[in-house]
Protein backbone atom coordinates (compact mmCIF):
# COMPACT_ATOMS: atom_id res chain seq x y z
CA UNK A 1 15.68 69.31 33.24
CA UNK A 2 13.42 69.27 30.35
CA UNK A 3 12.91 72.16 27.52
CA UNK A 4 9.52 73.69 26.52
CA UNK A 5 10.67 73.91 22.22
CA UNK A 6 8.36 75.53 21.64
CA UNK A 7 8.82 79.05 23.88
CA UNK A 8 12.49 78.08 24.03
CA UNK A 9 11.67 78.51 27.92
CA UNK A 10 12.67 76.20 31.25
CA UNK A 11 10.25 74.55 32.21
CA UNK A 12 11.39 74.14 35.84
CA UNK A 13 9.54 75.94 38.28
CA UNK A 14 9.67 78.22 41.32
CA UNK A 15 10.76 77.08 44.56
CA UNK A 16 6.85 77.82 45.66
CA UNK A 17 5.05 75.45 43.71
CA UNK A 18 4.52 72.12 43.35
CA UNK A 19 6.66 69.61 42.11
CA UNK A 20 6.70 66.38 41.39
CA UNK A 21 10.21 64.07 41.00
CA UNK A 22 9.93 61.08 38.38
CA UNK A 23 13.16 58.86 38.39
CA UNK A 24 13.69 56.48 35.82
CA UNK A 25 16.50 53.54 36.88
CA UNK A 26 18.59 57.14 37.91
CA UNK A 27 18.89 58.08 33.89
CA UNK A 28 16.72 60.87 34.16
CA UNK A 29 14.93 63.73 36.91
CA UNK A 30 11.80 65.17 35.35
CA UNK A 31 9.62 68.03 37.13
CA UNK A 32 6.47 69.42 36.25
CA UNK A 33 3.91 72.04 37.59
CA UNK A 34 1.72 72.79 34.12
CA UNK A 35 -0.66 70.60 31.65
CA UNK A 36 1.64 71.15 28.61
CA UNK A 37 4.74 69.57 30.28
CA UNK A 38 2.61 66.71 32.18
CA UNK A 39 1.08 65.79 28.49
CA UNK A 40 4.99 65.62 26.67
CA UNK A 41 6.23 63.53 29.82
CA UNK A 42 3.13 61.39 29.45
CA UNK A 43 3.73 60.49 25.86
CA UNK A 44 7.50 59.90 26.51
CA UNK A 45 6.64 57.46 29.10
CA UNK A 46 3.80 55.90 26.81
CA UNK A 47 6.88 55.24 24.06
CA UNK A 48 9.04 53.94 26.33
CA UNK A 49 6.79 51.78 27.94
CA UNK A 50 6.12 50.29 24.27
CA UNK A 51 9.77 49.89 23.44
CA UNK A 52 10.23 48.04 26.62
CA UNK A 53 7.27 46.09 25.94
CA UNK A 54 8.27 45.15 22.05
CA UNK A 55 11.92 44.25 23.86
CA UNK A 56 10.35 41.83 25.72
CA UNK A 57 8.55 39.88 23.78
CA UNK A 58 11.23 39.79 21.48
CA UNK A 59 13.34 38.29 24.15
CA UNK A 60 10.36 35.67 25.44
CA UNK A 61 10.27 34.72 21.55
CA UNK A 62 14.17 34.50 20.98
CA UNK A 63 13.85 32.08 24.17
CA UNK A 64 10.61 29.84 22.95
CA UNK A 65 12.80 29.80 19.36
CA UNK A 66 16.06 28.29 20.94
CA UNK A 67 13.87 25.95 22.98
CA UNK A 68 11.79 24.68 20.89
CA UNK A 69 14.62 24.71 18.20
CA UNK A 70 16.24 22.46 21.30
CA UNK A 71 13.63 20.09 21.74
CA UNK A 72 12.97 19.63 17.30
CA UNK A 73 17.13 18.41 17.85
CA UNK A 74 16.38 16.48 20.91
CA UNK A 75 13.37 14.89 19.27
CA UNK A 76 14.83 14.61 15.87
CA UNK A 77 18.33 12.64 17.10
CA UNK A 78 15.53 10.44 19.24
CA UNK A 79 14.04 9.78 16.03
CA UNK A 80 17.10 8.95 14.02
CA UNK A 81 18.15 6.82 16.91
CA UNK A 82 14.77 4.64 16.88
CA UNK A 83 15.11 4.26 12.94
CA UNK A 84 18.62 2.76 13.49
CA UNK A 85 17.79 0.80 16.24
CA UNK A 86 14.51 -0.35 13.80
CA UNK A 87 17.10 -0.91 10.86
CA UNK A 88 19.46 -2.78 12.76
CA UNK A 89 17.17 -5.36 13.91
CA UNK A 90 15.59 -5.62 10.41
CA UNK A 91 18.94 -6.50 8.88
CA UNK A 92 19.68 -8.86 11.70
CA UNK A 93 16.21 -10.40 11.11
CA UNK A 94 16.92 -10.22 7.46
CA UNK A 95 19.98 -12.05 7.22
CA UNK A 96 19.02 -14.94 10.23
CA UNK A 97 16.11 -15.57 7.31
CA UNK A 98 18.58 -15.84 4.41
CA UNK A 99 20.62 -18.26 6.51
CA UNK A 100 17.56 -20.00 7.81
CA UNK A 101 16.44 -20.51 3.87
CA UNK A 102 19.80 -21.22 2.66
CA UNK A 103 20.35 -24.23 5.04
CA UNK A 104 17.10 -25.27 4.46
CA UNK A 105 17.39 -25.36 0.68
CA UNK A 106 20.78 -27.49 1.16
CA UNK A 107 19.39 -29.43 3.78
CA UNK A 108 19.18 -27.66 6.66
CA UNK A 109 20.19 -29.87 10.23
CA UNK A 110 21.31 -33.05 10.35
CA UNK A 111 19.46 -36.13 10.05
CA UNK A 112 17.01 -36.68 12.70
CA UNK A 113 16.89 -32.77 12.96
CA UNK A 114 14.07 -30.19 12.82
CA UNK A 115 14.34 -30.12 8.60
CA UNK A 116 14.30 -33.94 8.32
CA UNK A 117 11.23 -33.84 10.71
CA UNK A 118 9.46 -31.30 8.68
CA UNK A 119 10.71 -33.10 5.46
CA UNK A 120 8.53 -36.46 6.56
CA UNK A 121 5.87 -34.62 7.25
CA UNK A 122 5.77 -32.57 4.00
CA UNK A 123 6.62 -35.68 1.72
CA UNK A 124 6.34 -39.05 3.27
CA UNK A 125 2.36 -39.00 2.25
CA UNK A 126 2.91 -37.85 -1.00
CA UNK A 127 6.03 -40.69 -1.77
CA UNK A 128 3.76 -43.17 -0.48
CA UNK A 129 0.75 -42.39 -2.90
CA UNK A 130 2.97 -42.07 -5.77
CA UNK A 131 4.61 -45.17 -4.92
CA UNK A 132 1.63 -47.20 -5.14
CA UNK A 133 0.72 -45.60 -8.33
CA UNK A 134 3.93 -46.88 -9.78
CA UNK A 135 3.21 -50.32 -8.50
CA UNK A 136 -0.42 -50.20 -9.95
CA UNK A 137 0.99 -49.43 -13.71
CA UNK A 138 3.63 -52.35 -13.14
CA UNK A 139 0.48 -54.39 -12.26
CA UNK A 140 -1.15 -53.02 -15.75
CA UNK A 141 1.69 -53.74 -17.62
CA UNK A 142 2.01 -57.07 -15.93
CA UNK A 143 -1.65 -57.41 -17.30
CA UNK A 144 -0.90 -56.25 -21.19
CA UNK A 145 -2.78 -53.31 -20.75
CA UNK A 146 -0.09 -50.17 -21.35
CA UNK A 147 -2.53 -47.41 -21.02
CA UNK A 148 -3.07 -46.96 -17.69
CA UNK A 149 0.64 -46.86 -17.55
CA UNK A 150 1.16 -44.36 -19.47
CA UNK A 151 -1.45 -42.28 -18.23
CA UNK A 152 0.36 -42.46 -14.91
CA UNK A 153 3.52 -41.42 -16.14
CA UNK A 154 2.10 -38.58 -18.59
CA UNK A 155 -0.54 -37.06 -15.66
CA UNK A 156 0.99 -34.10 -13.28
CA UNK A 157 -1.84 -34.67 -10.71
CA UNK A 158 -0.36 -35.99 -6.74
CA UNK A 159 0.33 -39.55 -6.91
CA UNK A 160 1.96 -39.30 -10.36
CA UNK A 161 5.24 -39.93 -11.28
CA UNK A 162 5.77 -36.10 -11.53
CA UNK A 163 4.42 -36.17 -8.51
CA UNK A 164 6.52 -38.62 -7.04
CA UNK A 165 9.93 -36.95 -8.43
CA UNK A 166 9.52 -33.99 -6.87
CA UNK A 167 8.92 -35.32 -3.70
CA UNK A 168 11.50 -37.85 -3.53
CA UNK A 169 14.11 -35.77 -4.50
CA UNK A 170 13.18 -32.90 -1.84
CA UNK A 171 12.70 -36.08 0.76
CA UNK A 172 16.23 -37.57 -0.20
CA UNK A 173 17.81 -34.53 0.06
CA UNK A 174 16.80 -33.89 3.75
CA UNK A 175 18.75 -37.14 4.96
CA UNK A 176 22.29 -35.72 5.41
CA UNK A 177 24.53 -35.07 8.24
CA UNK A 178 25.33 -31.29 7.11
CA UNK A 179 24.33 -28.72 5.28
CA UNK A 180 27.28 -28.37 3.39
CA UNK A 181 27.50 -31.93 1.39
CA UNK A 182 26.29 -31.27 -1.90
CA UNK A 183 22.89 -33.22 -2.69
CA UNK A 184 24.63 -35.50 -5.90
CA UNK A 185 27.00 -37.14 -2.75
CA UNK A 186 24.21 -37.97 -0.49
CA UNK A 187 23.35 -42.06 -0.37
CA UNK A 188 19.67 -41.14 -0.64
CA UNK A 189 20.05 -38.70 -3.26
CA UNK A 190 21.88 -41.63 -5.13
CA UNK A 191 19.64 -44.41 -4.78
CA UNK A 192 16.91 -42.13 -5.61
CA UNK A 193 18.22 -41.31 -9.01
CA UNK A 194 19.15 -45.00 -9.62
CA UNK A 195 15.78 -45.75 -9.13
CA UNK A 196 14.80 -42.97 -11.78
CA UNK A 197 16.79 -43.71 -14.09
CA UNK A 198 15.35 -47.56 -14.05
CA UNK A 199 11.87 -45.77 -14.46
CA UNK A 200 13.33 -43.48 -17.36
CA UNK A 201 14.41 -46.73 -18.89
CA UNK A 202 10.40 -48.58 -18.70
CA UNK A 203 9.33 -45.90 -20.24
CA UNK A 204 11.65 -46.27 -23.07
CA UNK A 205 11.39 -49.68 -23.42
CA UNK A 206 6.97 -49.17 -23.38
CA UNK A 207 7.31 -46.91 -25.42
CA UNK A 208 9.07 -48.61 -28.14
CA UNK A 209 8.11 -52.05 -27.27
CA UNK A 210 5.03 -52.18 -25.67
CA UNK A 211 3.88 -53.38 -22.49
CA UNK A 212 4.90 -56.74 -22.78
CA UNK A 213 8.73 -56.23 -22.88
CA UNK A 214 8.23 -52.85 -20.27
CA UNK A 215 6.61 -55.52 -17.66
CA UNK A 216 10.03 -57.52 -18.33
CA UNK A 217 12.08 -54.71 -16.83
CA UNK A 218 9.77 -54.02 -13.85
CA UNK A 219 11.26 -56.07 -11.89
CA UNK A 220 15.08 -53.69 -11.92
CA UNK A 221 12.53 -50.77 -11.33
CA UNK A 222 10.93 -52.56 -8.23
CA UNK A 223 14.03 -53.30 -6.78
CA UNK A 224 15.95 -49.80 -7.15
CA UNK A 225 12.58 -48.66 -5.38
CA UNK A 226 13.12 -50.69 -2.63
CA UNK A 227 16.69 -49.94 -2.12
CA UNK A 228 15.67 -46.42 -2.23
CA UNK A 229 12.87 -46.33 0.66
CA UNK A 230 15.14 -48.22 2.53
CA UNK A 231 17.53 -45.32 2.49
CA UNK A 232 14.51 -42.85 3.29
CA UNK A 233 13.39 -45.09 6.17
CA UNK A 234 10.47 -46.18 4.53
CA UNK A 235 8.96 -49.85 4.36
CA UNK A 236 9.26 -51.89 0.55
CA UNK A 237 7.15 -50.95 -1.62
CA UNK A 238 5.05 -53.47 -1.30
CA UNK A 239 3.89 -53.56 2.41
CA UNK A 240 3.49 -49.18 2.01
């Protein structure tokens, strides 16, 4: 029953008045027959509809927010898994690369393996060219020409003594059976160092005593050179 607060009278109509009943979820019962009562009821229903509308929107927003939050958490977890996998693969790749580099620096594979083959392809021609240059310097010394020999020992380009020392040592270090053997213990490196010591002696003689004295000691250089070449699987110097 609805009471008109303005006139303080009951709005329930007589029995002979036309009446309409509103039942909203069994919460209230409304009867009206006049225009003022109808306006009050419609205002109440409008307000109730607005409240229900906002409640529905709020519930939908809350559900959507919860769903979005769950999807965001799932996506974030998926991204973390992908990143972890990438980092794991990257770490494994770096570790593998470091191990390969370390193995290559210390000699790599066993003799006849991929590392030795690569070293031969890289250094054999440089060694051959520099050995031919050394023989030409020895021939010049035999002819009394110290200028050509000094030019050979002081140059830094391909085919010079400096190039032979670099390529020769690296090629000698590739002749190994395992990667743990120290370079100085390798037979090829020992032969190379013996040959290099003879050349150093030759240069000192050339500087102090000239071409003739240096030419006299060139035979020792050539013998040590051939011994080293045999150790690195190359023919004698005069046959290159």
